[in-house]
């Protein structure tokens, strides 16, 4: 994919995300400004009216549902009228017909706040439901917040509106659809609604999905003809991935068009809500698909070690898109008061945090592992008692493929709190072996072997000559011990083993060429006659010690400081015959 297309995709994702996030912030700021502009002295305490009349939206929806269920006694409770009996029932039916024919289809315009919309230019106790234009003029369908007796305030259709309802009703004709349907569909009811009111929405939904699919197919046919030779295979894959979300988007648009022609306000409210929700779901789905495509592109172009960061970032972006869509849907479409929800979550979040502290610990442990990068995908490491190759770093745990080919799931919280040894990050391997030579090896043979080992390590191209150290380190129980120490310039374990094998084979050849051999744990029993101690040398040693004692020069427990100064540096080292001693004489 070209650089321009990559930046374009990033711009689209950024714009969609910003629109979703800032819309909620703007609505919150606007709501605060509206309340400040109205100068409401204090927030009124809300209550849940049994009939749903606490808010303007609850009053309108509750009234329409009561009339559809033919519960006229309940429907009258939403009217500010003194009429009762048949007159009140007729008034409710006429109001329903007026709302169905001329009412607004936007449920979002009906306030869900107990105080109503404070920025509609009307008194604080009134709310506009719809404006109806007739031959006699224009009327407003109003709600009024009233308090009867000692009951709390509720929203009712105002008496002013109810007085004009009969005049508006005279100019409204009955829906032509009801007169053309069979009586079985109009007279028989299910859950308070005629049968055709159930069948028609189902047919509309199927038709909308079919139209959305047809529009998507046509859109793709046009796009493929125009951009087939302009985009690569990855671009075509991206287009195919957003095909299903586009079907949802086009179906939402068709449903919205169907809602404009609905005969009933309650149906228009439902279809408007459904189309808005489907459109939001389609946009969210597209965002998720675009994030997946962007993650795949980055994984192909970045090193394999960055895959964990890319996957975690993609997961967080998709979660952010879903959460943003839910917030917008709940606040703008469903009318849920998010302030109360957030307050409840704040209190319940404390309990959840205590109950899920291990899960939260693992989540943040995974985040730190990804960003701090002590281990990456494909690294060979040792974490506690587990050793193997890292195959996956998730939000909760990390998968390690052990040497036994089993998979160990280590919680990220535990992994971030223990020492992790990453073998993949080392720049060289340590070569350290102790050679056990036979005790029959003479000093000159040992000198020959030491010199040959040093020369061997210096000459090898895969050994760091600055770190070479070969020393005769001691007398073992059954061997003369020689330590060989150096760093091998390899980062892969397999390559290191090859170099080590080559060196060890050369060491065997060197020891063999010196006439020596490798010792093994053993005991040698010598059968001989004991010749005793050398009497002459024993006497000389005793005379020397007696002379020290007579002269008060016995060097115990320590030599005298003057004697130490006299002996300091008098031993010839390097020994005579050494190359280094010759250089010293030349200097």
Protein backbone atom coordinates (compact mmCIF):
# COMPACT_ATOMS: atom_id res chain seq x y z
CA UNK A 1 0.00 0.00 0.00
CA UNK A 2 1.36 3.42 -0.90
CA UNK A 3 2.35 6.03 1.68
CA UNK A 4 -0.52 8.29 0.65
CA UNK A 5 -3.07 5.52 1.16
CA UNK A 6 -1.60 4.66 4.54
CA UNK A 7 -1.85 8.26 5.74
CA UNK A 8 -5.36 8.50 4.32
CA UNK A 9 -6.46 5.45 6.29
CA UNK A 10 -4.92 6.91 9.45
CA UNK A 11 -6.72 10.20 8.81
CA UNK A 12 -10.07 8.43 8.39
CA UNK A 13 -9.62 6.53 11.63
CA UNK A 14 -8.62 9.70 13.45
CA UNK A 15 -11.58 11.69 12.12
CA UNK A 16 -14.12 8.98 13.00
CA UNK A 17 -12.69 8.56 16.49
CA UNK A 18 -12.57 12.31 17.09
CA UNK A 19 -16.16 12.76 15.92
CA UNK A 20 -17.42 10.02 18.24
CA UNK A 21 -15.49 11.31 21.23
CA UNK A 22 -16.06 15.05 20.79
CA UNK A 23 -19.79 14.68 20.14
CA UNK A 24 -20.37 13.48 23.68
CA UNK A 25 -18.14 16.23 25.08
CA UNK A 26 -19.94 18.92 23.05
CA UNK A 27 -23.34 17.66 24.19
CA UNK A 28 -22.20 17.78 27.80
CA UNK A 29 -20.84 21.32 27.44
CA UNK A 30 -23.97 22.42 25.63
CA UNK A 31 -26.20 20.95 28.35
CA UNK A 32 -24.27 22.79 31.04
CA UNK A 33 -24.45 26.01 29.10
CA UNK A 34 -28.20 25.60 28.59
CA UNK A 35 -28.85 25.17 32.27
CA UNK A 36 -26.62 28.12 33.09
CA UNK A 37 -28.42 30.27 30.53
CA UNK A 38 -31.80 29.44 32.05
CA UNK A 39 -30.45 30.34 35.47
CA UNK A 40 -32.26 27.53 37.18
CA UNK A 41 -31.91 28.22 40.86
CA UNK A 42 -31.25 24.59 41.81
CA UNK A 43 -31.62 21.10 40.43
CA UNK A 44 -34.99 19.63 41.23
CA UNK A 45 -35.27 16.24 42.78
CA UNK A 46 -36.59 13.77 40.21
CA UNK A 47 -38.87 10.84 40.91
CA UNK A 48 -40.09 7.86 38.93
CA UNK A 49 -43.72 8.36 38.05
CA UNK A 50 -45.55 5.01 37.72
CA UNK A 51 -46.92 6.14 34.35
CA UNK A 52 -43.60 7.49 33.08
CA UNK A 53 -44.74 11.11 33.15
CA UNK A 54 -41.58 12.36 34.87
CA UNK A 55 -40.08 13.41 31.50
CA UNK A 56 -41.58 14.76 28.25
CA UNK A 57 -40.46 11.69 26.31
CA UNK A 58 -42.00 9.36 28.88
CA UNK A 59 -45.33 11.19 28.64
CA UNK A 60 -45.54 11.03 24.82
CA UNK A 61 -44.43 7.39 24.51
CA UNK A 62 -46.55 6.27 27.44
CA UNK A 63 -49.66 7.95 26.00
CA UNK A 64 -49.20 6.39 22.55
CA UNK A 65 -48.66 2.93 23.98
CA UNK A 66 -51.72 3.18 26.20
CA UNK A 67 -53.93 4.16 23.24
CA UNK A 68 -52.54 1.37 21.06
CA UNK A 69 -53.34 -1.13 23.80
CA UNK A 70 -56.83 0.43 24.00
CA UNK A 71 -56.23 1.24 27.66
CA UNK A 72 -58.08 4.53 27.47
CA UNK A 73 -58.40 5.01 31.22
CA UNK A 74 -54.62 5.02 31.43
CA UNK A 75 -54.30 7.23 28.33
CA UNK A 76 -56.54 9.90 29.90
CA UNK A 77 -54.06 10.17 32.78
CA UNK A 78 -51.63 11.83 30.34
CA UNK A 79 -54.11 14.60 29.46
CA UNK A 80 -54.78 17.85 31.33
CA UNK A 81 -58.54 17.64 30.88
CA UNK A 82 -61.63 17.48 33.04
CA UNK A 83 -63.52 15.39 30.49
CA UNK A 84 -64.34 11.81 31.38
CA UNK A 85 -66.00 8.85 29.78
CA UNK A 86 -66.67 8.79 26.04
CA UNK A 87 -65.62 12.40 25.50
CA UNK A 88 -62.22 11.85 27.11
CA UNK A 89 -61.79 8.60 25.15
CA UNK A 90 -62.63 10.36 21.88
CA UNK A 91 -60.22 13.16 22.73
CA UNK A 92 -57.42 10.64 23.34
CA UNK A 93 -58.10 8.91 20.00
CA UNK A 94 -58.10 12.24 18.14
CA UNK A 95 -54.84 13.30 19.81
CA UNK A 96 -53.27 9.99 18.85
CA UNK A 97 -54.32 10.44 15.23
CA UNK A 98 -52.91 14.00 15.19
CA UNK A 99 -49.58 12.82 16.59
CA UNK A 100 -49.44 9.92 14.14
CA UNK A 101 -50.12 12.10 11.12
CA UNK A 102 -48.23 15.27 12.02
CA UNK A 103 -45.92 14.34 14.92
CA UNK A 104 -42.15 14.52 14.73
CA UNK A 105 -40.24 11.33 14.08
CA UNK A 106 -37.17 12.34 16.08
CA UNK A 107 -37.21 10.70 19.46
CA UNK A 108 -33.99 12.49 20.36
CA UNK A 109 -35.88 15.82 20.31
CA UNK A 110 -38.11 14.66 23.15
CA UNK A 111 -36.30 15.56 26.35
CA UNK A 112 -35.50 12.85 28.86
CA UNK A 113 -34.82 15.32 31.68
CA UNK A 114 -37.40 15.98 34.42
CA UNK A 115 -37.07 19.74 33.83
CA UNK A 116 -37.42 19.35 30.03
CA UNK A 117 -35.53 21.29 27.38
CA UNK A 118 -34.53 24.58 28.96
CA UNK A 119 -33.33 26.07 25.68
CA UNK A 120 -36.50 25.87 23.55
CA UNK A 121 -37.56 29.50 24.02
CA UNK A 122 -40.64 28.52 26.04
CA UNK A 123 -41.42 28.91 29.71
CA UNK A 124 -39.64 26.38 31.92
CA UNK A 125 -42.87 24.46 32.54
CA UNK A 126 -43.73 23.92 28.86
CA UNK A 127 -42.36 21.66 26.13
CA UNK A 128 -43.07 21.46 22.38
CA UNK A 129 -43.85 18.00 21.01
CA UNK A 130 -44.66 18.93 17.41
CA UNK A 131 -45.86 21.71 15.17
CA UNK A 132 -48.99 21.00 13.09
CA UNK A 133 -49.76 23.06 9.99
CA UNK A 134 -53.41 23.18 8.88
CA UNK A 135 -55.57 25.32 6.63
CA UNK A 136 -56.61 27.34 9.65
CA UNK A 137 -53.05 28.02 10.73
CA UNK A 138 -50.20 26.43 12.63
CA UNK A 139 -50.67 24.78 16.00
CA UNK A 140 -48.14 23.59 18.56
CA UNK A 141 -48.64 20.36 20.45
CA UNK A 142 -47.52 21.32 23.94
CA UNK A 143 -46.78 19.52 27.20
CA UNK A 144 -47.10 21.31 30.48
CA UNK A 145 -45.55 20.42 33.81
CA UNK A 146 -48.27 20.49 36.42
CA UNK A 147 -48.76 19.51 40.03
CA UNK A 148 -52.09 18.14 41.13
CA UNK A 149 -52.98 17.99 44.77
CA UNK A 150 -49.92 16.98 46.78
CA UNK A 151 -48.42 14.80 44.05
CA UNK A 152 -45.06 15.62 42.45
CA UNK A 153 -44.99 17.53 39.19
CA UNK A 154 -45.65 15.55 36.00
CA UNK A 155 -45.78 16.33 32.29
CA UNK A 156 -49.26 16.35 30.68
CA UNK A 157 -50.64 17.36 27.30
CA UNK A 158 -51.67 20.96 27.96
CA UNK A 159 -55.31 22.00 28.07
CA UNK A 160 -54.52 24.64 25.43
CA UNK A 161 -53.40 21.91 23.02
CA UNK A 162 -56.38 19.68 23.82
CA UNK A 163 -58.83 22.48 22.96
CA UNK A 164 -57.37 22.69 19.42
CA UNK A 165 -57.17 18.90 18.84
CA UNK A 166 -60.79 18.53 17.48
CA UNK A 167 -60.18 21.28 14.93
CA UNK A 168 -56.94 19.68 13.72
CA UNK A 169 -58.56 16.25 13.64
CA UNK A 170 -61.25 17.42 11.23
CA UNK A 171 -58.62 17.99 8.52
CA UNK A 172 -56.97 14.57 8.94
CA UNK A 173 -58.03 11.63 6.84
CA UNK A 174 -57.86 8.03 7.97
CA UNK A 175 -54.79 6.09 6.76
CA UNK A 176 -55.52 4.60 3.34
CA UNK A 177 -53.71 1.38 4.28
CA UNK A 178 -56.22 0.30 6.93
CA UNK A 179 -59.10 0.50 4.50
CA UNK A 180 -57.38 -1.76 1.98
CA UNK A 181 -56.25 -4.57 4.27
CA UNK A 182 -58.32 -7.68 5.09
CA UNK A 183 -60.37 -7.48 8.25
CA UNK A 184 -58.39 -10.39 9.75
CA UNK A 185 -55.28 -8.22 9.83
CA UNK A 186 -56.92 -5.07 11.17
CA UNK A 187 -59.38 -6.49 13.69
CA UNK A 188 -57.33 -9.28 15.25
CA UNK A 189 -54.76 -8.03 17.77
CA UNK A 190 -51.55 -9.32 19.28
CA UNK A 191 -50.22 -7.64 22.45
CA UNK A 192 -52.67 -4.78 21.90
CA UNK A 193 -51.68 -4.11 18.27
CA UNK A 194 -53.39 -5.20 15.04
CA UNK A 195 -51.67 -8.06 13.26
CA UNK A 196 -50.64 -5.92 10.31
CA UNK A 197 -48.69 -3.69 12.73
CA UNK A 198 -46.49 -6.72 13.44
CA UNK A 199 -46.25 -8.06 9.90
CA UNK A 200 -45.50 -4.72 8.25
CA UNK A 201 -42.35 -3.93 10.32
CA UNK A 202 -40.99 -7.40 9.61
CA UNK A 203 -41.49 -6.94 5.88
CA UNK A 204 -39.96 -3.47 6.06
CA UNK A 205 -36.90 -4.82 7.86
CA UNK A 206 -36.38 -7.58 5.30
CA UNK A 207 -36.86 -5.13 2.46
CA UNK A 208 -34.39 -2.70 4.02
CA UNK A 209 -31.71 -5.38 4.37
CA UNK A 210 -32.30 -6.50 0.79
CA UNK A 211 -32.06 -2.93 -0.51
CA UNK A 212 -28.92 -2.38 1.54
CA UNK A 213 -27.35 -5.49 0.01
CA UNK A 214 -28.32 -4.39 -3.51
CA UNK A 215 -26.86 -0.90 -2.94
CA UNK A 216 -23.63 -2.40 -1.59
CA UNK A 217 -23.27 -4.70 -4.60
CA UNK A 218 -23.83 -1.79 -6.98
CA UNK A 219 -21.40 0.39 -5.07
CA UNK A 220 -18.69 -2.29 -5.17
CA UNK A 221 -19.28 -2.94 -8.87
CA UNK A 222 -18.72 0.74 -9.63
CA UNK A 223 -15.71 0.99 -7.35
CA UNK A 224 -13.97 -2.08 -8.74
CA UNK A 225 -14.28 -0.79 -12.31
CA UNK A 226 -12.82 2.59 -11.40
CA UNK A 227 -10.07 1.61 -8.94
CA UNK A 228 -9.16 -1.93 -10.00
CA UNK A 229 -5.91 -0.78 -11.62
CA UNK A 230 -5.15 1.87 -8.99
CA UNK A 231 -5.03 -0.17 -5.78
CA UNK A 232 -3.01 -3.22 -4.83
CA UNK A 233 -4.26 -6.53 -3.45
CA UNK A 234 -4.25 -5.19 0.12
CA UNK A 235 -6.57 -2.36 -0.89
CA UNK A 236 -9.02 -4.84 -2.43
CA UNK A 237 -8.89 -6.92 0.76
CA UNK A 238 -9.74 -3.80 2.76
CA UNK A 239 -12.74 -3.11 0.53
CA UNK A 240 -13.98 -6.67 0.94
CA UNK A 241 -13.69 -6.46 4.72
CA UNK A 242 -15.93 -3.42 4.98
CA UNK A 243 -18.56 -4.92 2.71
CA UNK A 244 -20.79 -6.26 5.49
CA UNK A 245 -20.59 -3.02 7.53
CA UNK A 246 -21.63 -1.12 4.40
CA UNK A 247 -24.69 -3.37 4.08
CA UNK A 248 -25.63 -2.37 7.63
CA UNK A 249 -25.11 1.33 6.82
CA UNK A 250 -27.18 1.25 3.64
CA UNK A 251 -29.89 -0.76 5.42
CA UNK A 252 -29.99 1.90 8.14
CA UNK A 253 -30.50 4.59 5.50
CA UNK A 254 -33.33 2.65 3.88
CA UNK A 255 -34.99 2.09 7.27
CA UNK A 256 -34.82 5.82 7.95
CA UNK A 257 -36.54 6.52 4.62
CA UNK A 258 -39.22 3.96 5.51
CA UNK A 259 -39.75 5.69 8.86
CA UNK A 260 -40.61 8.95 7.11
CA UNK A 261 -43.58 7.26 5.47
CA UNK A 262 -44.89 5.48 8.58
CA UNK A 263 -48.49 6.21 9.58
CA UNK A 264 -47.89 6.08 13.34
CA UNK A 265 -45.67 8.29 15.47
CA UNK A 266 -44.65 5.47 17.79
CA UNK A 267 -43.49 3.46 14.77
CA UNK A 268 -41.61 6.43 13.43
CA UNK A 269 -39.87 6.84 16.78
CA UNK A 270 -38.93 3.14 16.77
CA UNK A 271 -37.64 3.10 13.18
CA UNK A 272 -35.68 6.31 13.71
CA UNK A 273 -34.05 4.83 16.79
CA UNK A 274 -33.33 1.57 14.96
CA UNK A 275 -31.81 3.30 11.92
CA UNK A 276 -29.62 5.52 14.11
CA UNK A 277 -28.42 2.54 16.13
CA UNK A 278 -27.69 0.50 12.99
CA UNK A 279 -25.78 3.39 11.42
CA UNK A 280 -23.69 3.77 14.55
CA UNK A 281 -23.08 0.02 14.66
CA UNK A 282 -22.03 0.04 10.99
CA UNK A 283 -19.57 2.90 11.53
CA UNK A 284 -18.13 1.15 14.58
CA UNK A 285 -17.79 -2.07 12.59
CA UNK A 286 -15.95 -0.21 9.83
CA UNK A 287 -13.61 1.33 12.40
CA UNK A 288 -12.82 -2.12 13.83
CA UNK A 289 -12.14 -3.55 10.36
CA UNK A 290 -9.88 -0.61 9.45
CA UNK A 291 -7.95 -1.05 12.71
CA UNK A 292 -7.44 -4.74 11.89
CA UNK A 293 -6.20 -3.91 8.38
CA UNK A 294 -3.84 -1.22 9.70
CA UNK A 295 -2.49 -3.66 12.30
CA UNK A 296 -1.81 -6.29 9.63
CA UNK A 297 0.00 -3.75 7.46
CA UNK A 298 2.20 -2.65 10.36
CA UNK A 299 2.94 -6.24 11.37
CA UNK A 300 4.21 -6.97 7.85
CA UNK A 301 6.35 -3.86 7.67
CA UNK A 302 7.66 -3.80 11.23
CA UNK A 303 9.98 -6.30 12.94
CA UNK A 304 8.35 -9.37 14.41
CA UNK A 305 9.25 -8.14 17.89
CA UNK A 306 6.86 -5.19 17.47
CA UNK A 307 3.86 -7.44 16.85
CA UNK A 308 2.85 -7.48 20.53
CA UNK A 309 2.75 -3.68 20.66
CA UNK A 310 0.72 -3.53 17.46
CA UNK A 311 -1.78 -6.15 18.61
CA UNK A 312 -2.26 -4.52 22.02
CA UNK A 313 -2.73 -1.09 20.42
CA UNK A 314 -5.26 -2.54 17.96
CA UNK A 315 -7.19 -4.23 20.78
CA UNK A 316 -7.33 -0.99 22.79
CA UNK A 317 -8.43 1.04 19.75
CA UNK A 318 -11.22 -1.44 18.99
CA UNK A 319 -12.34 -1.39 22.62
CA UNK A 320 -12.34 2.42 22.53
CA UNK A 321 -14.49 2.40 19.37
CA UNK A 322 -17.03 0.02 20.94
CA UNK A 323 -17.19 1.98 24.21
CA UNK A 324 -17.62 5.26 22.34
CA UNK A 325 -20.44 3.78 20.26
CA UNK A 326 -22.19 2.50 23.38
CA UNK A 327 -21.90 5.88 25.09
CA UNK A 328 -23.30 7.71 22.06
CA UNK A 329 -26.11 5.16 21.69
CA UNK A 330 -27.11 5.26 25.35
CA UNK A 331 -26.93 9.03 25.67
CA UNK A 332 -28.34 10.27 22.37
CA UNK A 333 -30.56 7.44 21.14
CA UNK A 334 -31.77 5.67 24.28
CA UNK A 335 -31.91 8.82 26.39
CA UNK A 336 -30.13 7.27 29.36
CA UNK A 337 -28.75 9.74 31.89
CA UNK A 338 -25.05 8.95 31.84
CA UNK A 339 -24.33 11.14 34.86
CA UNK A 340 -26.22 8.76 37.11
CA UNK A 341 -24.67 5.77 35.37
CA UNK A 342 -21.14 7.12 35.85
CA UNK A 343 -21.88 7.89 39.50
CA UNK A 344 -23.13 4.35 40.02
CA UNK A 345 -20.11 2.91 38.23
CA UNK A 346 -17.83 5.02 40.39
CA UNK A 347 -19.26 3.48 43.54
CA UNK A 348 -19.51 -0.03 42.13
CA UNK A 349 -16.10 0.28 40.50
CA UNK A 350 -14.42 0.25 43.89
CA UNK A 351 -15.97 -3.10 44.75
CA UNK A 352 -15.18 -4.44 41.29
CA UNK A 353 -11.57 -3.26 41.60
CA UNK A 354 -11.14 -5.19 44.84
CA UNK A 355 -12.83 -8.29 43.43
CA UNK A 356 -10.89 -8.21 40.15
CA UNK A 357 -7.57 -6.89 41.40
CA UNK A 358 -5.70 -9.87 39.97
CA UNK A 359 -7.30 -9.33 36.56
CA UNK A 360 -6.42 -5.63 36.67
CA UNK A 361 -2.90 -6.49 37.80
CA UNK A 362 -2.50 -8.87 34.87
CA UNK A 363 -3.87 -6.28 32.44
CA UNK A 364 -1.42 -3.57 33.48
CA UNK A 365 1.33 -6.18 33.65
CA UNK A 366 0.63 -6.97 29.99
CA UNK A 367 0.72 -3.28 29.11
CA UNK A 368 4.10 -2.84 30.83
CA UNK A 369 5.48 -5.95 29.15
CA UNK A 370 4.49 -4.64 25.74
CA UNK A 371 5.82 -1.13 26.20
CA UNK A 372 8.89 -1.88 28.35
CA UNK A 373 9.80 -4.85 26.11
CA UNK A 374 11.79 -7.09 28.49
CA UNK A 375 10.67 -9.93 26.23
CA UNK A 376 9.26 -10.00 22.73
CA UNK A 377 7.59 -12.53 20.49
CA UNK A 378 10.07 -15.21 19.47
CA UNK A 379 12.50 -14.52 22.34
CA UNK A 380 14.00 -17.45 24.22
CA UNK A 381 13.86 -16.61 27.91
CA UNK A 382 13.74 -17.95 31.44
CA UNK A 383 11.02 -16.61 33.73
CA UNK A 384 11.19 -18.17 37.17
CA UNK A 385 10.99 -21.92 36.69
CA UNK A 386 9.80 -21.64 33.08
CA UNK A 387 12.17 -21.63 30.11
CA UNK A 388 11.17 -21.49 26.47
CA UNK A 389 10.17 -19.34 23.49
CA UNK A 390 7.60 -16.53 23.82
CA UNK A 391 4.73 -17.21 21.43
CA UNK A 392 2.08 -14.69 22.49
CA UNK A 393 1.76 -11.71 24.84
CA UNK A 394 -1.90 -11.11 25.68
CA UNK A 395 -3.75 -8.75 27.98
CA UNK A 396 -3.95 -11.36 30.74
CA UNK A 397 -1.14 -13.88 30.22
CA UNK A 398 1.94 -14.68 28.17
CA UNK A 399 2.34 -18.00 26.36
CA UNK A 400 5.77 -19.68 26.57
CA UNK A 401 6.59 -22.76 24.51
CA UNK A 402 8.86 -24.84 26.76
CA UNK A 403 11.68 -27.16 25.70
CA UNK A 404 9.28 -30.08 26.20
CA UNK A 405 7.03 -28.49 23.52
CA UNK A 406 4.31 -27.76 26.05
CA UNK A 407 2.74 -24.30 26.35
CA UNK A 408 2.86 -22.52 29.70
CA UNK A 409 0.49 -19.61 30.39
CA UNK A 410 2.20 -17.21 32.79
CA UNK A 411 -0.01 -14.39 34.24
CA UNK A 412 1.36 -11.00 33.23
CA UNK A 413 1.17 -9.72 36.80
CA UNK A 414 3.49 -12.53 37.91
CA UNK A 415 5.75 -12.12 34.88
CA UNK A 416 6.23 -8.41 35.53
CA UNK A 417 7.24 -8.98 39.16
CA UNK A 418 9.89 -11.71 38.74
CA UNK A 419 13.38 -11.72 37.24
CA UNK A 420 13.26 -12.55 33.53
CA UNK A 421 16.42 -13.72 31.76
CA UNK A 422 16.26 -13.04 28.02
CA UNK A 423 18.75 -15.24 26.16
CA UNK A 424 17.87 -13.74 22.78
CA UNK A 425 19.22 -10.29 23.73
CA UNK A 426 22.79 -11.45 24.50
CA UNK A 427 25.45 -10.28 22.08
CA UNK A 428 27.88 -13.22 22.56
CA UNK A 429 28.20 -16.62 24.22
CA UNK A 430 30.53 -17.56 27.08
CA UNK A 431 32.90 -20.46 26.39
CA UNK A 432 34.18 -21.80 29.70
CA UNK A 433 35.53 -25.31 30.16
CA UNK A 434 37.84 -27.00 32.66
CA UNK A 435 40.20 -29.55 31.13
CA UNK A 436 41.20 -32.41 33.44
CA UNK A 437 44.65 -33.69 32.37
CA UNK A 438 46.33 -36.82 33.62
CA UNK A 439 48.76 -36.50 36.55
CA UNK A 440 51.42 -38.14 34.42
CA UNK A 441 51.58 -34.91 32.41
CA UNK A 442 54.93 -33.20 33.00
CA UNK A 443 55.36 -29.48 33.60
CA UNK A 444 56.80 -28.92 30.12
CA UNK A 445 53.94 -30.85 28.55
CA UNK A 446 51.54 -28.64 30.48
CA UNK A 447 53.35 -25.53 29.30
CA UNK A 448 53.06 -26.79 25.73
CA UNK A 449 49.32 -27.40 26.12
CA UNK A 450 48.71 -23.98 27.73
CA UNK A 451 50.54 -22.18 24.93
CA UNK A 452 48.75 -24.19 22.25
CA UNK A 453 45.33 -23.48 23.77
CA UNK A 454 45.97 -19.74 23.89
CA UNK A 455 47.18 -19.73 20.30
CA UNK A 456 44.14 -21.75 19.23
CA UNK A 457 41.70 -19.27 20.78
CA UNK A 458 43.60 -16.24 19.48
CA UNK A 459 43.54 -17.58 15.93
CA UNK A 460 39.88 -18.63 15.78
CA UNK A 461 37.84 -16.00 13.83
CA UNK A 462 34.68 -16.46 15.94
CA UNK A 463 36.42 -15.94 19.29
CA UNK A 464 36.89 -12.52 20.89
CA UNK A 465 40.68 -12.53 21.38
CA UNK A 466 40.50 -9.74 23.96
CA UNK A 467 38.63 -12.03 26.36
CA UNK A 468 40.83 -15.15 25.99
CA UNK A 469 42.12 -16.62 29.26
CA UNK A 470 43.77 -20.04 29.63
CA UNK A 471 45.26 -20.90 33.03
CA UNK A 472 46.46 -23.86 35.07
CA UNK A 473 44.15 -23.42 38.04
CA UNK A 474 44.96 -26.27 40.41
CA UNK A 475 45.51 -29.88 41.32
CA UNK A 476 42.32 -31.89 41.34
CA UNK A 477 41.72 -35.16 43.10
CA UNK A 478 42.63 -37.11 40.00
CA UNK A 479 43.68 -34.49 37.43
CA UNK A 480 45.60 -31.36 36.62
CA UNK A 481 42.92 -28.70 36.00
CA UNK A 482 43.25 -26.17 33.20
CA UNK A 483 40.53 -23.52 32.71
CA UNK A 484 39.73 -22.27 29.21
CA UNK A 485 37.72 -18.98 29.16
CA UNK A 486 36.63 -16.83 26.17
CA UNK A 487 33.60 -15.22 24.51
CA UNK A 488 32.31 -16.57 21.19
CA UNK A 489 31.05 -13.94 18.72
CA UNK A 490 27.71 -15.57 18.02
CA UNK A 491 24.13 -14.63 18.98
CA UNK A 492 22.34 -17.79 17.87
CA UNK A 493 22.59 -20.83 20.09
CA UNK A 494 22.95 -23.22 17.17
CA UNK A 495 25.89 -21.27 15.72
CA UNK A 496 27.54 -21.15 19.13
CA UNK A 497 27.29 -24.93 19.49
CA UNK A 498 28.98 -25.33 16.10
CA UNK A 499 31.90 -23.09 17.14
CA UNK A 500 32.20 -24.83 20.51
CA UNK A 501 32.27 -28.22 18.84
CA UNK A 502 35.05 -27.11 16.49
CA UNK A 503 37.13 -25.75 19.39
CA UNK A 504 36.71 -28.82 21.57
CA UNK A 505 37.76 -31.13 18.76
CA UNK A 506 40.88 -29.00 18.18
CA UNK A 507 41.62 -29.12 21.92
CA UNK A 508 41.51 -32.92 21.82
CA UNK A 509 43.98 -32.92 18.93
CA UNK A 510 46.27 -30.53 20.82
CA UNK A 511 46.29 -32.60 24.02
CA UNK A 512 46.98 -35.74 22.01
CA UNK A 513 49.84 -34.06 20.12
CA UNK A 514 51.42 -33.08 23.46
CA UNK A 515 51.56 -36.73 24.53
CA UNK A 516 49.11 -36.20 27.35
CA UNK A 517 45.55 -37.28 27.89
CA UNK A 518 42.37 -36.54 29.77
CA UNK A 519 41.97 -37.90 33.26
CA UNK A 520 38.95 -39.57 34.71
CA UNK A 521 38.04 -40.13 38.36
CA UNK A 522 40.35 -42.96 39.48
CA UNK A 523 42.80 -44.14 42.12
CA UNK A 524 46.25 -45.54 41.32
CA UNK A 525 47.74 -48.03 43.81
CA UNK A 526 51.53 -48.18 43.71
CA UNK A 527 53.06 -51.40 45.08
CA UNK A 528 56.66 -50.49 46.12
CA UNK A 529 59.10 -50.67 49.01
CA UNK A 530 59.16 -47.53 51.15
CA UNK A 531 62.64 -46.03 51.01
CA UNK A 532 61.98 -43.68 53.88
CA UNK A 533 62.88 -39.98 54.04
CA UNK A 534 66.13 -38.47 52.81
CA UNK A 535 68.19 -38.22 56.01
CA UNK A 536 70.65 -35.69 54.53
CA UNK A 537 67.99 -33.20 53.40
CA UNK A 538 66.09 -33.73 56.66
CA UNK A 539 69.17 -32.73 58.60
CA UNK A 540 69.81 -29.67 56.42
CA UNK A 541 66.21 -28.46 56.95
CA UNK A 542 66.49 -28.96 60.72
CA UNK A 543 69.81 -27.06 60.86
CA UNK A 544 68.31 -24.15 58.90
CA UNK A 545 65.32 -23.85 61.24
CA UNK A 546 67.64 -24.11 64.31
CA UNK A 547 69.78 -21.32 62.86
CA UNK A 548 66.63 -19.12 62.43
CA UNK A 549 65.72 -19.84 66.04
CA UNK A 550 69.23 -19.02 67.34
CA UNK A 551 69.33 -15.70 65.42
CA UNK A 552 65.74 -14.84 66.38
CA UNK A 553 64.81 -14.92 62.67
CA UNK A 554 62.10 -17.57 62.86
CA UNK A 555 59.47 -16.33 60.26
CA UNK A 556 56.41 -17.24 62.28
CA UNK A 557 53.66 -16.26 62.42
CA UNK A 558 54.87 -13.80 59.70
CA UNK A 559 58.06 -12.56 58.07
CA UNK A 560 59.54 -9.39 59.48
CA UNK A 561 58.57 -6.25 57.48
CA UNK A 562 62.18 -5.65 56.50
CA UNK A 563 62.54 -9.19 55.23
CA UNK A 564 59.32 -8.80 53.19
CA UNK A 565 60.72 -5.63 51.60
CA UNK A 566 63.96 -7.44 50.83
CA UNK A 567 62.17 -10.37 49.15
CA UNK A 568 59.64 -8.27 47.23
CA UNK A 569 59.86 -8.91 43.43
CA UNK A 570 63.04 -11.02 43.50
CA UNK A 571 61.43 -14.09 41.84
CA UNK A 572 61.91 -14.25 38.08
CA UNK A 573 58.47 -13.97 36.52
CA UNK A 574 57.75 -14.61 33.75
CA UNK A 575 60.09 -17.58 34.19
CA UNK A 576 63.33 -17.93 32.29
CA UNK A 577 62.79 -18.95 28.70
CA UNK A 578 59.39 -17.26 28.43
CA UNK A 579 58.68 -15.00 25.44
CA UNK A 580 57.48 -12.30 27.78
CA UNK A 581 60.77 -12.43 29.80
CA UNK A 582 62.73 -11.79 26.58
CA UNK A 583 60.63 -8.73 25.80
CA UNK A 584 61.23 -7.51 29.35
CA UNK A 585 65.02 -7.79 28.91
CA UNK A 586 64.80 -5.89 25.58
CA UNK A 587 62.86 -3.07 27.29
